[in-house]
Amino acid sequence: MPPEEDLIELKFRLYDGTDIGPFHYPPSSTVASLKDRIFSDWPKDKKIIPRTANDIKLINAGKILENSKTVGQCQAPFGELPKAVITMHVVVQPSLAKSKTAEKKVDEIPRKHICSCAIL
């Protein structure tokens, strides 16, 4: 494990203003591993609960973070502050594949076109 000085302290702000964390991560940790941790620590009493870690989006400095990025790549410009806790915002958004499947089911229902024109 890296020395304590090299670890980055992160906390995750949920939609209702509550936080998960703070936790210490090495700069080489990926965003995907952060999402896994958030998913496993998600409070069970929330109205909105992600179904998988892929439903979680992390936002830092106004940008949605990619799963392949590391914590070290995502900490700038706020990571330059000594011993500062970085707050990342958490958004729950179901994956697009699930949404498209739901849309197809709605579109597959035969539609009846009814015209209600009246000519006087």
PDB file of N, CA and C in Angstrom:
ATOM      1  N   MET A   1       0.848  -1.185   0.000  1.00  0.00           N
ATOM      2  CA  MET A   1       0.000   0.000   0.000  1.00  0.00           C
ATOM      3  C   MET A   1       0.885   1.237   0.000  1.00  0.00           C
ATOM      4  N   PRO A   2       0.495   2.273  -0.774  1.00  0.00           N
ATOM      5  CA  PRO A   2       1.318   3.482  -0.852  1.00  0.00           C
ATOM      6  C   PRO A   2       1.370   4.211   0.484  1.00  0.00           C
ATOM      7  N   PRO A   3       2.379   5.059   0.658  1.00  0.00           N
ATOM      8  CA  PRO A   3       2.454   5.839   1.900  1.00  0.00           C
ATOM      9  C   PRO A   3       1.216   6.714   2.073  1.00  0.00           C
ATOM     10  N   GLU A   4       0.881   7.021   3.314  1.00  0.00           N
ATOM     11  CA  GLU A   4      -0.309   7.817   3.651  1.00  0.00           C
ATOM     12  C   GLU A   4      -0.303   9.173   2.947  1.00  0.00           C
ATOM     13  N   GLU A   5       0.877   9.747   2.717  1.00  0.00           N
ATOM     14  CA  GLU A   5       0.978  11.067   2.094  1.00  0.00           C
ATOM     15  C   GLU A   5       0.496  11.061   0.655  1.00  0.00           C
ATOM     16  N   ASP A   6       0.645   9.931  -0.046  1.00  0.00           N
ATOM     17  CA  ASP A   6       0.281   9.859  -1.457  1.00  0.00           C
ATOM     18  C   ASP A   6      -1.204   9.603  -1.683  1.00  0.00           C
ATOM     19  N   LEU A   7      -1.933   9.248  -0.652  1.00  0.00           N
ATOM     20  CA  LEU A   7      -3.349   8.937  -0.808  1.00  0.00           C
ATOM     21  C   LEU A   7      -4.168  10.210  -0.995  1.00  0.00           C
ATOM     22  N   ILE A   8      -5.234  10.074  -1.769  1.00  0.00           N
ATOM     23  CA  ILE A   8      -6.141  11.188  -2.033  1.00  0.00           C
ATOM     24  C   ILE A   8      -7.435  10.921  -1.272  1.00  0.00           C
ATOM     25  N   GLU A   9      -7.914  11.934  -0.549  1.00  0.00           N
ATOM     26  CA  GLU A   9      -9.125  11.777   0.246  1.00  0.00           C
ATOM     27  C   GLU A   9     -10.332  12.240  -0.559  1.00  0.00           C
ATOM     28  N   LEU A  10     -11.294  11.332  -0.741  1.00  0.00           N
ATOM     29  CA  LEU A  10     -12.492  11.619  -1.527  1.00  0.00           C
ATOM     30  C   LEU A  10     -13.741  11.357  -0.707  1.00  0.00           C
ATOM     31  N   LYS A  11     -14.768  12.174  -0.954  1.00  0.00           N
ATOM     32  CA  LYS A  11     -16.097  11.866  -0.428  1.00  0.00           C
ATOM     33  C   LYS A  11     -17.067  12.043  -1.586  1.00  0.00           C
ATOM     34  N   PHE A  12     -18.198  11.375  -1.473  1.00  0.00           N
ATOM     35  CA  PHE A  12     -19.148  11.326  -2.568  1.00  0.00           C
ATOM     36  C   PHE A  12     -20.486  11.896  -2.111  1.00  0.00           C
ATOM     37  N   ARG A  13     -20.926  12.971  -2.756  1.00  0.00           N
ATOM     38  CA  ARG A  13     -22.159  13.668  -2.386  1.00  0.00           C
ATOM     39  C   ARG A  13     -23.310  13.111  -3.209  1.00  0.00           C
ATOM     40  N   LEU A  14     -24.334  12.607  -2.513  1.00  0.00           N
ATOM     41  CA  LEU A  14     -25.506  12.035  -3.163  1.00  0.00           C
ATOM     42  C   LEU A  14     -26.503  13.127  -3.523  1.00  0.00           C
ATOM     43  N   TYR A  15     -27.545  12.746  -4.244  1.00  0.00           N
ATOM     44  CA  TYR A  15     -28.551  13.683  -4.754  1.00  0.00           C
ATOM     45  C   TYR A  15     -29.264  14.477  -3.662  1.00  0.00           C
ATOM     46  N   ASP A  16     -29.352  13.921  -2.450  1.00  0.00           N
ATOM     47  CA  ASP A  16     -30.072  14.610  -1.383  1.00  0.00           C
ATOM     48  C   ASP A  16     -29.150  15.381  -0.434  1.00  0.00           C
ATOM     49  N   GLY A  17     -27.873  15.470  -0.783  1.00  0.00           N
ATOM     50  CA  GLY A  17     -26.931  16.242   0.024  1.00  0.00           C
ATOM     51  C   GLY A  17     -26.171  15.425   1.055  1.00  0.00           C
ATOM     52  N   THR A  18     -26.507  14.145   1.227  1.00  0.00           N
ATOM     53  CA  THR A  18     -25.759  13.302   2.163  1.00  0.00           C
ATOM     54  C   THR A  18     -24.473  12.818   1.494  1.00  0.00           C
ATOM     55  N   ASP A  19     -23.527  12.408   2.308  1.00  0.00           N
ATOM     56  CA  ASP A  19     -22.224  11.996   1.792  1.00  0.00           C
ATOM     57  C   ASP A  19     -21.939  10.535   2.108  1.00  0.00           C
ATOM     58  N   ILE A  20     -21.166   9.925   1.225  1.00  0.00           N
ATOM     59  CA  ILE A  20     -20.557   8.623   1.481  1.00  0.00           C
ATOM     60  C   ILE A  20     -19.067   8.905   1.587  1.00  0.00           C
ATOM     61  N   GLY A  21     -18.464   8.502   2.683  1.00  0.00           N
ATOM     62  CA  GLY A  21     -17.045   8.754   2.862  1.00  0.00           C
ATOM     63  C   GLY A  21     -16.813   9.827   3.892  1.00  0.00           C
ATOM     64  N   PRO A  22     -15.637  10.345   3.996  1.00  0.00           N
ATOM     65  CA  PRO A  22     -14.505  10.286   3.063  1.00  0.00           C
ATOM     66  C   PRO A  22     -13.700   8.987   3.192  1.00  0.00           C
ATOM     67  N   PHE A  23     -13.067   8.638   2.067  1.00  0.00           N
ATOM     68  CA  PHE A  23     -12.191   7.481   1.975  1.00  0.00           C
ATOM     69  C   PHE A  23     -10.869   7.921   1.361  1.00  0.00           C
ATOM     70  N   HIS A  24      -9.828   7.159   1.627  1.00  0.00           N
ATOM     71  CA  HIS A  24      -8.505   7.435   1.057  1.00  0.00           C
ATOM     72  C   HIS A  24      -8.237   6.462  -0.086  1.00  0.00           C
ATOM     73  N   TYR A  25      -7.797   6.991  -1.219  1.00  0.00           N
ATOM     74  CA  TYR A  25      -7.513   6.175  -2.395  1.00  0.00           C
ATOM     75  C   TYR A  25      -6.135   6.511  -2.942  1.00  0.00           C
ATOM     76  N   PRO A  26      -5.432   5.511  -3.484  1.00  0.00           N
ATOM     77  CA  PRO A  26      -4.187   5.816  -4.184  1.00  0.00           C
ATOM     78  C   PRO A  26      -4.518   6.479  -5.527  1.00  0.00           C
ATOM     79  N   PRO A  27      -3.643   7.323  -6.043  1.00  0.00           N
ATOM     80  CA  PRO A  27      -3.907   8.006  -7.315  1.00  0.00           C
ATOM     81  C   PRO A  27      -4.121   7.055  -8.488  1.00  0.00           C
ATOM     82  N   SER A  28      -3.685   5.798  -8.361  1.00  0.00           N
ATOM     83  CA  SER A  28      -3.822   4.837  -9.459  1.00  0.00           C
ATOM     84  C   SER A  28      -5.193   4.150  -9.477  1.00  0.00           C
ATOM     85  N   SER A  29      -6.062   4.413  -8.491  1.00  0.00           N
ATOM     86  CA  SER A  29      -7.406   3.818  -8.466  1.00  0.00           C
ATOM     87  C   SER A  29      -8.228   4.345  -9.638  1.00  0.00           C
ATOM     88  N   THR A  30      -9.020   3.466 -10.236  1.00  0.00           N
ATOM     89  CA  THR A  30      -9.835   3.881 -11.376  1.00  0.00           C
ATOM     90  C   THR A  30     -11.203   4.380 -10.917  1.00  0.00           C
ATOM     91  N   VAL A  31     -11.851   5.146 -11.784  1.00  0.00           N
ATOM     92  CA  VAL A  31     -13.199   5.634 -11.510  1.00  0.00           C
ATOM     93  C   VAL A  31     -14.150   4.445 -11.365  1.00  0.00           C
ATOM     94  N   ALA A  32     -13.939   3.380 -12.146  1.00  0.00           N
ATOM     95  CA  ALA A  32     -14.779   2.185 -12.045  1.00  0.00           C
ATOM     96  C   ALA A  32     -14.705   1.580 -10.644  1.00  0.00           C
ATOM     97  N   SER A  33     -13.514   1.572 -10.032  1.00  0.00           N
ATOM     98  CA  SER A  33     -13.396   1.031  -8.671  1.00  0.00           C
ATOM     99  C   SER A  33     -14.085   1.938  -7.649  1.00  0.00           C
ATOM    100  N   LEU A  34     -14.082   3.241  -7.892  1.00  0.00           N
ATOM    101  CA  LEU A  34     -14.806   4.174  -7.019  1.00  0.00           C
ATOM    102  C   LEU A  34     -16.305   3.892  -7.086  1.00  0.00           C
ATOM    103  N   LYS A  35     -16.810   3.670  -8.297  1.00  0.00           N
ATOM    104  CA  LYS A  35     -18.232   3.388  -8.472  1.00  0.00           C
ATOM    105  C   LYS A  35     -18.623   2.089  -7.766  1.00  0.00           C
ATOM    106  N   ASP A  36     -17.747   1.092  -7.834  1.00  0.00           N
ATOM    107  CA  ASP A  36     -18.011  -0.169  -7.138  1.00  0.00           C
ATOM    108  C   ASP A  36     -18.122   0.062  -5.632  1.00  0.00           C
ATOM    109  N   ARG A  37     -17.244   0.885  -5.094  1.00  0.00           N
ATOM    110  CA  ARG A  37     -17.261   1.185  -3.653  1.00  0.00           C
ATOM    111  C   ARG A  37     -18.536   1.938  -3.278  1.00  0.00           C
ATOM    112  N   ILE A  38     -18.922   2.911  -4.099  1.00  0.00           N
ATOM    113  CA  ILE A  38     -20.146   3.675  -3.844  1.00  0.00           C
ATOM    114  C   ILE A  38     -21.354   2.745  -3.882  1.00  0.00           C
ATOM    115  N   PHE A  39     -21.396   1.868  -4.880  1.00  0.00           N
ATOM    116  CA  PHE A  39     -22.516   0.937  -5.021  1.00  0.00           C
ATOM    117  C   PHE A  39     -22.627   0.025  -3.800  1.00  0.00           C
ATOM    118  N   SER A  40     -21.491  -0.467  -3.314  1.00  0.00           N
ATOM    119  CA  SER A  40     -21.526  -1.369  -2.159  1.00  0.00           C
ATOM    120  C   SER A  40     -21.868  -0.634  -0.854  1.00  0.00           C
ATOM    121  N   ASP A  41     -21.538   0.661  -0.763  1.00  0.00           N
ATOM    122  CA  ASP A  41     -21.799   1.445   0.451  1.00  0.00           C
ATOM    123  C   ASP A  41     -23.082   2.288   0.359  1.00  0.00           C
ATOM    124  N   TRP A  42     -23.858   2.112  -0.721  1.00  0.00           N
ATOM    125  CA  TRP A  42     -25.051   2.947  -0.929  1.00  0.00           C
ATOM    126  C   TRP A  42     -26.037   2.745   0.219  1.00  0.00           C
ATOM    127  N   PRO A  43     -26.518   3.828   0.836  1.00  0.00           N
ATOM    128  CA  PRO A  43     -27.482   3.704   1.943  1.00  0.00           C
ATOM    129  C   PRO A  43     -28.773   3.031   1.476  1.00  0.00           C
ATOM    130  N   LYS A  44     -29.245   2.086   2.236  1.00  0.00           N
ATOM    131  CA  LYS A  44     -30.431   1.306   1.853  1.00  0.00           C
ATOM    132  C   LYS A  44     -31.733   2.075   2.055  1.00  0.00           C
ATOM    133  N   ASP A  45     -31.700   3.187   2.782  1.00  0.00           N
ATOM    134  CA  ASP A  45     -32.924   3.933   3.060  1.00  0.00           C
ATOM    135  C   ASP A  45     -33.235   5.015   2.028  1.00  0.00           C
ATOM    136  N   LYS A  46     -32.476   5.087   0.944  1.00  0.00           N
ATOM    137  CA  LYS A  46     -32.688   6.116  -0.079  1.00  0.00           C
ATOM    138  C   LYS A  46     -33.813   5.711  -1.022  1.00  0.00           C
ATOM    139  N   LYS A  47     -34.513   6.714  -1.563  1.00  0.00           N
ATOM    140  CA  LYS A  47     -35.585   6.452  -2.522  1.00  0.00           C
ATOM    141  C   LYS A  47     -35.020   6.014  -3.864  1.00  0.00           C
ATOM    142  N   ILE A  48     -33.918   6.590  -4.269  1.00  0.00           N
ATOM    143  CA  ILE A  48     -33.283   6.243  -5.538  1.00  0.00           C
ATOM    144  C   ILE A  48     -32.085   5.352  -5.233  1.00  0.00           C
ATOM    145  N   ILE A  49     -32.115   4.145  -5.788  1.00  0.00           N
ATOM    146  CA  ILE A  49     -31.035   3.181  -5.552  1.00  0.00           C
ATOM    147  C   ILE A  49     -30.547   2.675  -6.902  1.00  0.00           C
ATOM    148  N   PRO A  50     -29.233   2.733  -7.166  1.00  0.00           N
ATOM    149  CA  PRO A  50     -28.724   2.206  -8.436  1.00  0.00           C
ATOM    150  C   PRO A  50     -28.833   0.678  -8.467  1.00  0.00           C
ATOM    151  N   ARG A  51     -29.131   0.136  -9.643  1.00  0.00           N
ATOM    152  CA  ARG A  51     -29.226  -1.325  -9.790  1.00  0.00           C
ATOM    153  C   ARG A  51     -27.852  -1.955  -9.946  1.00  0.00           C
ATOM    154  N   THR A  52     -26.952  -1.227 -10.598  1.00  0.00           N
ATOM    155  CA  THR A  52     -25.581  -1.694 -10.781  1.00  0.00           C
ATOM    156  C   THR A  52     -24.639  -0.507 -10.617  1.00  0.00           C
ATOM    157  N   ALA A  53     -23.359  -0.795 -10.537  1.00  0.00           N
ATOM    158  CA  ALA A  53     -22.366   0.283 -10.443  1.00  0.00           C
ATOM    159  C   ALA A  53     -22.336   1.108 -11.732  1.00  0.00           C
ATOM    160  N   ASN A  54     -22.749   0.522 -12.857  1.00  0.00           N
ATOM    161  CA  ASN A  54     -22.774   1.253 -14.130  1.00  0.00           C
ATOM    162  C   ASN A  54     -23.858   2.327 -14.163  1.00  0.00           C
ATOM    163  N   ASP A  55     -24.849   2.245 -13.262  1.00  0.00           N
ATOM    164  CA  ASP A  55     -25.888   3.271 -13.192  1.00  0.00           C
ATOM    165  C   ASP A  55     -25.397   4.538 -12.494  1.00  0.00           C
ATOM    166  N   ILE A  56     -24.221   4.474 -11.903  1.00  0.00           N
ATOM    167  CA  ILE A  56     -23.668   5.606 -11.153  1.00  0.00           C
ATOM    168  C   ILE A  56     -22.766   6.437 -12.064  1.00  0.00           C
ATOM    169  N   LYS A  57     -22.983   7.742 -12.034  1.00  0.00           N
ATOM    170  CA  LYS A  57     -22.126   8.690 -12.756  1.00  0.00           C
ATOM    171  C   LYS A  57     -21.452   9.573 -11.715  1.00  0.00           C
ATOM    172  N   LEU A  58     -20.144   9.763 -11.851  1.00  0.00           N
ATOM    173  CA  LEU A  58     -19.394  10.633 -10.944  1.00  0.00           C
ATOM    174  C   LEU A  58     -19.065  11.931 -11.660  1.00  0.00           C
ATOM    175  N   ILE A  59     -19.263  13.042 -10.966  1.00  0.00           N
ATOM    176  CA  ILE A  59     -18.983  14.361 -11.529  1.00  0.00           C
ATOM    177  C   ILE A  59     -17.972  15.054 -10.637  1.00  0.00           C
ATOM    178  N   ASN A  60     -16.907  15.544 -11.258  1.00  0.00           N
ATOM    179  CA  ASN A  60     -15.887  16.308 -10.535  1.00  0.00           C
ATOM    180  C   ASN A  60     -15.493  17.493 -11.409  1.00  0.00           C
ATOM    181  N   ALA A  61     -15.481  18.660 -10.833  1.00  0.00           N
ATOM    182  CA  ALA A  61     -15.125  19.897 -11.538  1.00  0.00           C
ATOM    183  C   ALA A  61     -15.986  20.086 -12.783  1.00  0.00           C
ATOM    184  N   GLY A  62     -17.272  19.703 -12.695  1.00  0.00           N
ATOM    185  CA  GLY A  62     -18.207  19.909 -13.787  1.00  0.00           C
ATOM    186  C   GLY A  62     -18.119  18.908 -14.914  1.00  0.00           C
ATOM    187  N   LYS A  63     -17.346  17.851 -14.754  1.00  0.00           N
ATOM    188  CA  LYS A  63     -17.187  16.856 -15.819  1.00  0.00           C
ATOM    189  C   LYS A  63     -17.597  15.478 -15.328  1.00  0.00           C
ATOM    190  N   ILE A  64     -18.281  14.724 -16.201  1.00  0.00           N
ATOM    191  CA  ILE A  64     -18.609  13.334 -15.898  1.00  0.00           C
ATOM    192  C   ILE A  64     -17.345  12.521 -16.134  1.00  0.00           C
ATOM    193  N   LEU A  65     -16.950  11.751 -15.126  1.00  0.00           N
ATOM    194  CA  LEU A  65     -15.695  11.009 -15.187  1.00  0.00           C
ATOM    195  C   LEU A  65     -15.870   9.677 -15.897  1.00  0.00           C
ATOM    196  N   GLU A  66     -14.884   9.321 -16.709  1.00  0.00           N
ATOM    197  CA  GLU A  66     -14.897   8.064 -17.449  1.00  0.00           C
ATOM    198  C   GLU A  66     -14.361   6.948 -16.564  1.00  0.00           C
ATOM    199  N   ASN A  67     -14.906   5.744 -16.729  1.00  0.00           N
ATOM    200  CA  ASN A  67     -14.503   4.598 -15.921  1.00  0.00           C
ATOM    201  C   ASN A  67     -13.016   4.284 -16.018  1.00  0.00           C
ATOM    202  N   SER A  68     -12.416   4.527 -17.165  1.00  0.00           N
ATOM    203  CA  SER A  68     -11.008   4.167 -17.374  1.00  0.00           C
ATOM    204  C   SER A  68     -10.025   5.172 -16.765  1.00  0.00           C
ATOM    205  N   LYS A  69     -10.497   6.347 -16.380  1.00  0.00           N
ATOM    206  CA  LYS A  69      -9.613   7.367 -15.788  1.00  0.00           C
ATOM    207  C   LYS A  69      -9.215   6.973 -14.374  1.00  0.00           C
ATOM    208  N   THR A  70      -8.072   7.478 -13.937  1.00  0.00           N
ATOM    209  CA  THR A  70      -7.619   7.220 -12.566  1.00  0.00           C
ATOM    210  C   THR A  70      -7.943   8.425 -11.688  1.00  0.00           C
ATOM    211  N   VAL A  71      -7.910   8.205 -10.392  1.00  0.00           N
ATOM    212  CA  VAL A  71      -8.159   9.285  -9.437  1.00  0.00           C
ATOM    213  C   VAL A  71      -7.124  10.392  -9.627  1.00  0.00           C
ATOM    214  N   GLY A  72      -5.894  10.019  -9.886  1.00  0.00           N
ATOM    215  CA  GLY A  72      -4.834  11.004 -10.113  1.00  0.00           C
ATOM    216  C   GLY A  72      -5.119  11.900 -11.306  1.00  0.00           C
ATOM    217  N   GLN A  73      -5.731  11.351 -12.357  1.00  0.00           N
ATOM    218  CA  GLN A  73      -6.067  12.142 -13.537  1.00  0.00           C
ATOM    219  C   GLN A  73      -7.265  13.044 -13.298  1.00  0.00           C
ATOM    220  N   CYS A  74      -8.121  12.677 -12.365  1.00  0.00           N
ATOM    221  CA  CYS A  74      -9.368  13.416 -12.121  1.00  0.00           C
ATOM    222  C   CYS A  74      -9.258  14.481 -11.043  1.00  0.00           C
ATOM    223  N   GLN A  75      -8.167  14.514 -10.300  1.00  0.00           N
ATOM    224  CA  GLN A  75      -8.110  15.412  -9.148  1.00  0.00           C
ATOM    225  C   GLN A  75      -7.809  16.860  -9.509  1.00  0.00           C
ATOM    226  N   ALA A  76      -7.230  17.145 -10.639  1.00  0.00           N
ATOM    227  CA  ALA A  76      -6.901  18.514 -11.012  1.00  0.00           C
ATOM    228  C   ALA A  76      -8.175  19.294 -11.285  1.00  0.00           C
ATOM    229  N   PRO A  77      -8.280  20.558 -11.023  1.00  0.00           N
ATOM    230  CA  PRO A  77      -7.295  21.450 -10.443  1.00  0.00           C
ATOM    231  C   PRO A  77      -7.343  21.502  -8.925  1.00  0.00           C
ATOM    232  N   PHE A  78      -8.359  20.884  -8.307  1.00  0.00           N
ATOM    233  CA  PHE A  78      -8.536  20.998  -6.867  1.00  0.00           C
ATOM    234  C   PHE A  78      -7.572  20.122  -6.091  1.00  0.00           C
ATOM    235  N   GLY A  79      -6.957  19.141  -6.750  1.00  0.00           N
ATOM    236  CA  GLY A  79      -6.054  18.229  -6.071  1.00  0.00           C
ATOM    237  C   GLY A  79      -4.752  18.873  -5.643  1.00  0.00           C
ATOM    238  N   GLU A  80      -4.507  20.084  -6.100  1.00  0.00           N
ATOM    239  CA  GLU A  80      -3.272  20.770  -5.732  1.00  0.00           C
ATOM    240  C   GLU A  80      -3.335  21.345  -4.323  1.00  0.00           C
ATOM    241  N   LEU A  81      -4.515  21.382  -3.744  1.00  0.00           N
ATOM    242  CA  LEU A  81      -4.650  21.886  -2.373  1.00  0.00           C
ATOM    243  C   LEU A  81      -4.126  20.827  -1.411  1.00  0.00           C
ATOM    244  N   PRO A  82      -3.283  21.201  -0.465  1.00  0.00           N
ATOM    245  CA  PRO A  82      -2.739  20.203   0.453  1.00  0.00           C
ATOM    246  C   PRO A  82      -3.797  19.666   1.409  1.00  0.00           C
ATOM    247  N   LYS A  83      -3.859  18.352   1.531  1.00  0.00           N
ATOM    248  CA  LYS A  83      -4.739  17.651   2.471  1.00  0.00           C
ATOM    249  C   LYS A  83      -6.199  18.072   2.368  1.00  0.00           C
ATOM    250  N   ALA A  84      -6.644  18.419   1.170  1.00  0.00           N
ATOM    251  CA  ALA A  84      -8.037  18.804   0.969  1.00  0.00           C
ATOM    252  C   ALA A  84      -8.858  17.565   0.602  1.00  0.00           C
ATOM    253  N   VAL A  85     -10.079  17.521   1.086  1.00  0.00           N
ATOM    254  CA  VAL A  85     -10.991  16.446   0.715  1.00  0.00           C
ATOM    255  C   VAL A  85     -11.671  16.849  -0.588  1.00  0.00           C
ATOM    256  N   ILE A  86     -11.608  15.995  -1.583  1.00  0.00           N
ATOM    257  CA  ILE A  86     -12.240  16.265  -2.868  1.00  0.00           C
ATOM    258  C   ILE A  86     -13.641  15.669  -2.832  1.00  0.00           C
ATOM    259  N   THR A  87     -14.633  16.493  -3.129  1.00  0.00           N
ATOM    260  CA  THR A  87     -16.020  16.025  -3.161  1.00  0.00           C
ATOM    261  C   THR A  87     -16.416  15.771  -4.604  1.00  0.00           C
ATOM    262  N   MET A  88     -16.868  14.543  -4.860  1.00  0.00           N
ATOM    263  CA  MET A  88     -17.383  14.186  -6.180  1.00  0.00           C
ATOM    264  C   MET A  88     -18.890  14.001  -6.044  1.00  0.00           C
ATOM    265  N   HIS A  89     -19.617  14.524  -7.015  1.00  0.00           N
ATOM    266  CA  HIS A  89     -21.068  14.401  -6.983  1.00  0.00           C
ATOM    267  C   HIS A  89     -21.490  13.111  -7.669  1.00  0.00           C
ATOM    268  N   VAL A  90     -22.506  12.467  -7.102  1.00  0.00           N
ATOM    269  CA  VAL A  90     -22.979  11.182  -7.597  1.00  0.00           C
ATOM    270  C   VAL A  90     -24.370  11.360  -8.190  1.00  0.00           C
ATOM    271  N   VAL A  91     -24.537  10.879  -9.426  1.00  0.00           N
ATOM    272  CA  VAL A  91     -25.829  10.901 -10.100  1.00  0.00           C
ATOM    273  C   VAL A  91     -26.180   9.472 -10.463  1.00  0.00           C
ATOM    274  N   VAL A  92     -27.422   9.081 -10.216  1.00  0.00           N
ATOM    275  CA  VAL A  92     -27.881   7.750 -10.608  1.00  0.00           C
ATOM    276  C   VAL A  92     -28.631   7.904 -11.919  1.00  0.00           C
ATOM    277  N   GLN A  93     -28.112   7.237 -12.940  1.00  0.00           N
ATOM    278  CA  GLN A  93     -28.711   7.308 -14.263  1.00  0.00           C
ATOM    279  C   GLN A  93     -28.658   5.910 -14.877  1.00  0.00           C
ATOM    280  N   PRO A  94     -29.821   5.293 -15.119  1.00  0.00           N
ATOM    281  CA  PRO A  94     -29.800   3.955 -15.713  1.00  0.00           C
ATOM    282  C   PRO A  94     -29.095   3.983 -17.064  1.00  0.00           C
ATOM    283  N   SER A  95     -28.477   2.867 -17.414  1.00  0.00           N
ATOM    284  CA  SER A  95     -27.734   2.811 -18.674  1.00  0.00           C
ATOM    285  C   SER A  95     -28.681   2.968 -19.856  1.00  0.00           C
ATOM    286  N   LEU A  96     -28.154   3.444 -20.977  1.00  0.00           N
ATOM    287  CA  LEU A  96     -28.962   3.714 -22.168  1.00  0.00           C
ATOM    288  C   LEU A  96     -29.545   2.441 -22.764  1.00  0.00           C
ATOM    289  N   ALA A  97     -28.849   1.325 -22.647  1.00  0.00           N
ATOM    290  CA  ALA A  97     -29.342   0.071 -23.212  1.00  0.00           C
ATOM    291  C   ALA A  97     -30.685  -0.306 -22.601  1.00  0.00           C
ATOM    292  N   LYS A  98     -30.831  -0.121 -21.296  1.00  0.00           N
ATOM    293  CA  LYS A  98     -32.086  -0.435 -20.628  1.00  0.00           C
ATOM    294  C   LYS A  98     -33.187   0.512 -21.092  1.00  0.00           C
ATOM    295  N   SER A  99     -32.873   1.785 -21.255  1.00  0.00           N
ATOM    296  CA  SER A  99     -33.865   2.769 -21.661  1.00  0.00           C
ATOM    297  C   SER A  99     -34.354   2.490 -23.075  1.00  0.00           C
ATOM    298  N   LYS A 100     -33.452   2.129 -23.968  1.00  0.00           N
ATOM    299  CA  LYS A 100     -33.838   1.845 -25.346  1.00  0.00           C
ATOM    300  C   LYS A 100     -34.728   0.610 -25.412  1.00  0.00           C
ATOM    301  N   THR A 101     -34.446  -0.400 -24.581  1.00  0.00           N
ATOM    302  CA  THR A 101     -35.271  -1.595 -24.544  1.00  0.00           C
ATOM    303  C   THR A 101     -36.686  -1.239 -24.105  1.00  0.00           C
ATOM    304  N   ALA A 102     -36.814  -0.401 -23.108  1.00  0.00           N
ATOM    305  CA  ALA A 102     -38.130   0.024 -22.632  1.00  0.00           C
ATOM    306  C   ALA A 102     -38.865   0.804 -23.709  1.00  0.00           C
ATOM    307  N   GLU A 103     -38.152   1.644 -24.461  1.00  0.00           N
ATOM    308  CA  GLU A 103     -38.773   2.417 -25.529  1.00  0.00           C
ATOM    309  C   GLU A 103     -39.275   1.501 -26.624  1.00  0.00           C
ATOM    310  N   LYS A 104     -38.509   0.456 -26.961  1.00  0.00           N
ATOM    311  CA  LYS A 104     -38.921  -0.474 -28.005  1.00  0.00           C
ATOM    312  C   LYS A 104     -40.211  -1.174 -27.614  1.00  0.00           C
ATOM    313  N   LYS A 105     -40.355  -1.569 -26.372  1.00  0.00           N
ATOM    314  CA  LYS A 105     -41.560  -2.249 -25.918  1.00  0.00           C
ATOM    315  C   LYS A 105     -42.774  -1.338 -26.097  1.00  0.00           C
ATOM    316  N   VAL A 106     -42.612  -0.068 -25.826  1.00  0.00           N
ATOM    317  CA  VAL A 106     -43.705   0.877 -26.000  1.00  0.00           C
ATOM    318  C   VAL A 106     -44.017   1.028 -27.487  1.00  0.00           C
ATOM    319  N   ASP A 107     -42.974   1.106 -28.332  1.00  0.00           N
ATOM    320  CA  ASP A 107     -43.171   1.283 -29.763  1.00  0.00           C
ATOM    321  C   ASP A 107     -43.770   0.045 -30.426  1.00  0.00           C
ATOM    322  N   GLU A 108     -43.574  -1.142 -29.857  1.00  0.00           N
ATOM    323  CA  GLU A 108     -44.074  -2.373 -30.452  1.00  0.00           C
ATOM    324  C   GLU A 108     -45.576  -2.536 -30.268  1.00  0.00           C
ATOM    325  N   ILE A 109     -46.176  -1.792 -29.370  1.00  0.00           N
ATOM    326  CA  ILE A 109     -47.613  -1.869 -29.157  1.00  0.00           C
ATOM    327  C   ILE A 109     -48.305  -1.266 -30.373  1.00  0.00           C
ATOM    328  N   PRO A 110     -49.208  -2.048 -31.009  1.00  0.00           N
ATOM    329  CA  PRO A 110     -49.876  -1.490 -32.204  1.00  0.00           C
ATOM    330  C   PRO A 110     -50.711  -0.268 -31.831  1.00  0.00           C
ATOM    331  N   ARG A 111     -50.586   0.721 -32.657  1.00  0.00           N
ATOM    332  CA  ARG A 111     -51.313   1.963 -32.411  1.00  0.00           C
ATOM    333  C   ARG A 111     -52.535   2.023 -33.321  1.00  0.00           C
ATOM    334  N   LYS A 112     -53.613   2.473 -32.778  1.00  0.00           N
ATOM    335  CA  LYS A 112     -54.831   2.664 -33.551  1.00  0.00           C
ATOM    336  C   LYS A 112     -54.950   4.150 -33.838  1.00  0.00           C
ATOM    337  N   HIS A 113     -55.029   4.456 -35.130  1.00  0.00           N
ATOM    338  CA  HIS A 113     -55.157   5.860 -35.513  1.00  0.00           C
ATOM    339  C   HIS A 113     -56.643   6.177 -35.631  1.00  0.00           C
ATOM    340  N   ILE A 114     -57.072   7.105 -34.898  1.00  0.00           N
ATOM    341  CA  ILE A 114     -58.478   7.505 -34.900  1.00  0.00           C
ATOM    342  C   ILE A 114     -58.561   8.951 -35.357  1.00  0.00           C
ATOM    343  N   CYS A 115     -59.371   9.143 -36.341  1.00  0.00           N
ATOM    344  CA  CYS A 115     -59.582  10.491 -36.842  1.00  0.00           C
ATOM    345  C   CYS A 115     -60.958  10.954 -36.393  1.00  0.00           C
ATOM    346  N   SER A 116     -61.025  12.098 -35.863  1.00  0.00           N
ATOM    347  CA  SER A 116     -62.312  12.623 -35.409  1.00  0.00           C
ATOM    348  C   SER A 116     -62.662  13.922 -36.125  1.00  0.00           C
ATOM    349  N   CYS A 117     -62.578  13.890 -37.431  1.00  0.00           N
ATOM    350  CA  CYS A 117     -62.884  15.077 -38.227  1.00  0.00           C
ATOM    351  C   CYS A 117     -64.392  15.171 -38.419  1.00  0.00           C
ATOM    352  N   ALA A 118     -64.875  16.366 -38.460  1.00  0.00           N
ATOM    353  CA  ALA A 118     -66.315  16.591 -38.749  1.00  0.00           C
ATOM    354  C   ALA A 118     -66.427  17.638 -39.834  1.00  0.00           C
ATOM    355  N   ILE A 119     -67.126  17.283 -40.895  1.00  0.00           N
ATOM    356  CA  ILE A 119     -67.338  18.213 -42.007  1.00  0.00           C
ATOM    357  C   ILE A 119     -68.752  18.717 -41.909  1.00  0.00           C
ATOM    358  N   LEU A 120     -68.916  20.006 -41.859  1.00  0.00           N
ATOM    359  CA  LEU A 120     -70.260  20.604 -41.736  1.00  0.00           C
ATOM    360  C   LEU A 120     -70.729  21.198 -43.025  1.00  0.00           C
TER     361      LEU A 120
END
